[in-house]
Amino acid sequence: MTILALFASTFALVFALGIQQLNVQNDHRAAAVCTSLFIGASQLVMFKLAPDASPAEAAAFLLGGPLGIYAAMVAHPWLVRVIKMGK
């Protein structure tokens, strides 16, 4: 369970950081504020679980980052379209 939680928290953190960077670059201020809350929550989980990670848990932790940033780069244009459609 900890392996999955570490992977998920790292994925979520890096995903949110990637989305945050794109939000800031594109001046999506409200989205950037919301993303900050998600970043904080992901960090809380990660900092709680990571200090005592086993090698397998560390591998899951490391795998979450690259997948998270790739997912953010793919998802951001879609998220922007969805948000704009809602206005």
Protein backbone atom coordinates (compact mmCIF):
# COMPACT_ATOMS: atom_id res chain seq x y z
CA MET A 1 0.00 0.00 0.00
CA THR A 2 2.83 2.40 0.81
CA ILE A 3 4.37 1.74 -2.61
CA LEU A 4 1.16 2.83 -4.30
CA ALA A 5 0.77 5.83 -1.99
CA LEU A 6 4.33 7.00 -2.65
CA PHE A 7 3.91 6.60 -6.39
CA ALA A 8 0.56 8.41 -6.31
CA SER A 9 1.79 11.25 -4.12
CA THR A 10 4.87 11.83 -6.26
CA PHE A 11 2.85 11.57 -9.46
CA ALA A 12 0.27 14.01 -8.09
CA LEU A 13 2.92 16.43 -6.84
CA VAL A 14 4.89 16.54 -10.08
CA PHE A 15 1.67 16.63 -12.11
CA ALA A 16 0.48 19.61 -10.07
CA LEU A 17 3.86 21.34 -10.33
CA GLY A 18 3.82 20.91 -14.09
CA ILE A 19 0.27 22.22 -14.35
CA GLN A 20 1.24 25.07 -12.03
CA GLN A 21 4.18 26.06 -14.21
CA LEU A 22 2.00 26.09 -17.31
CA ASN A 23 -0.70 28.05 -15.47
CA VAL A 24 1.82 30.68 -14.42
CA GLN A 25 3.39 30.90 -17.88
CA ASN A 26 -0.03 31.37 -19.44
CA ASP A 27 -1.33 33.77 -16.77
CA HIS A 28 -4.08 31.46 -15.52
CA ARG A 29 -4.13 33.04 -12.07
CA ALA A 30 -7.20 31.40 -10.54
CA ALA A 31 -6.07 27.98 -11.73
CA ALA A 32 -2.61 28.61 -10.28
CA VAL A 33 -4.13 29.39 -6.88
CA CYS A 34 -6.18 26.19 -6.93
CA THR A 35 -3.21 24.13 -8.06
CA SER A 36 -1.20 25.40 -5.08
CA LEU A 37 -3.61 23.69 -2.71
CA PHE A 38 -3.17 20.41 -4.58
CA ILE A 39 0.61 20.80 -4.41
CA GLY A 40 0.49 21.28 -0.65
CA ALA A 41 -1.70 18.23 -0.11
CA SER A 42 0.57 16.06 -2.25
CA GLN A 43 3.62 17.24 -0.36
CA LEU A 44 2.04 16.38 2.97
CA VAL A 45 1.49 12.79 1.91
CA MET A 46 4.90 12.48 0.30
CA PHE A 47 6.81 13.94 3.26
CA LYS A 48 4.95 11.64 5.62
CA LEU A 49 5.74 8.47 3.67
CA ALA A 50 9.12 9.06 2.00
CA PRO A 51 11.54 9.21 4.95
CA ASP A 52 11.25 5.50 5.75
CA ALA A 53 10.97 4.23 2.17
CA SER A 54 12.28 0.79 1.26
CA PRO A 55 14.13 0.32 -2.05
CA ALA A 56 10.89 -0.75 -3.78
CA GLU A 57 9.08 2.25 -2.32
CA ALA A 58 11.90 4.53 -3.44
CA ALA A 59 11.58 3.13 -6.96
CA ALA A 60 7.85 3.87 -6.95
CA PHE A 61 8.60 7.34 -5.63
CA LEU A 62 11.08 7.97 -8.46
CA LEU A 63 8.77 6.58 -11.14
CA GLY A 64 5.93 8.92 -10.19
CA GLY A 65 7.84 12.05 -11.21
CA PRO A 66 8.52 11.39 -14.89
CA LEU A 67 5.04 10.02 -15.43
CA GLY A 68 3.51 12.96 -13.56
CA ILE A 69 5.22 15.63 -15.64
CA TYR A 70 4.38 13.88 -18.90
CA ALA A 71 0.75 13.60 -17.84
CA ALA A 72 0.68 17.29 -16.91
CA MET A 73 2.01 18.32 -20.30
CA VAL A 74 -0.64 16.22 -22.01
CA ALA A 75 -3.47 17.28 -19.70
CA HIS A 76 -2.90 21.03 -19.50
CA PRO A 77 -4.23 21.98 -22.96
CA TRP A 78 -7.29 19.82 -22.35
CA LEU A 79 -7.87 21.35 -18.91
CA VAL A 80 -7.64 24.86 -20.33
CA ARG A 81 -10.23 24.01 -23.00
CA VAL A 82 -12.58 22.50 -20.42
CA ILE A 83 -12.27 25.51 -18.12
CA LYS A 84 -12.85 27.96 -20.98
CA MET A 85 -15.94 26.03 -22.11
CA GLY A 86 -17.37 26.40 -18.62
CA LYS A 87 -17.19 30.19 -18.72
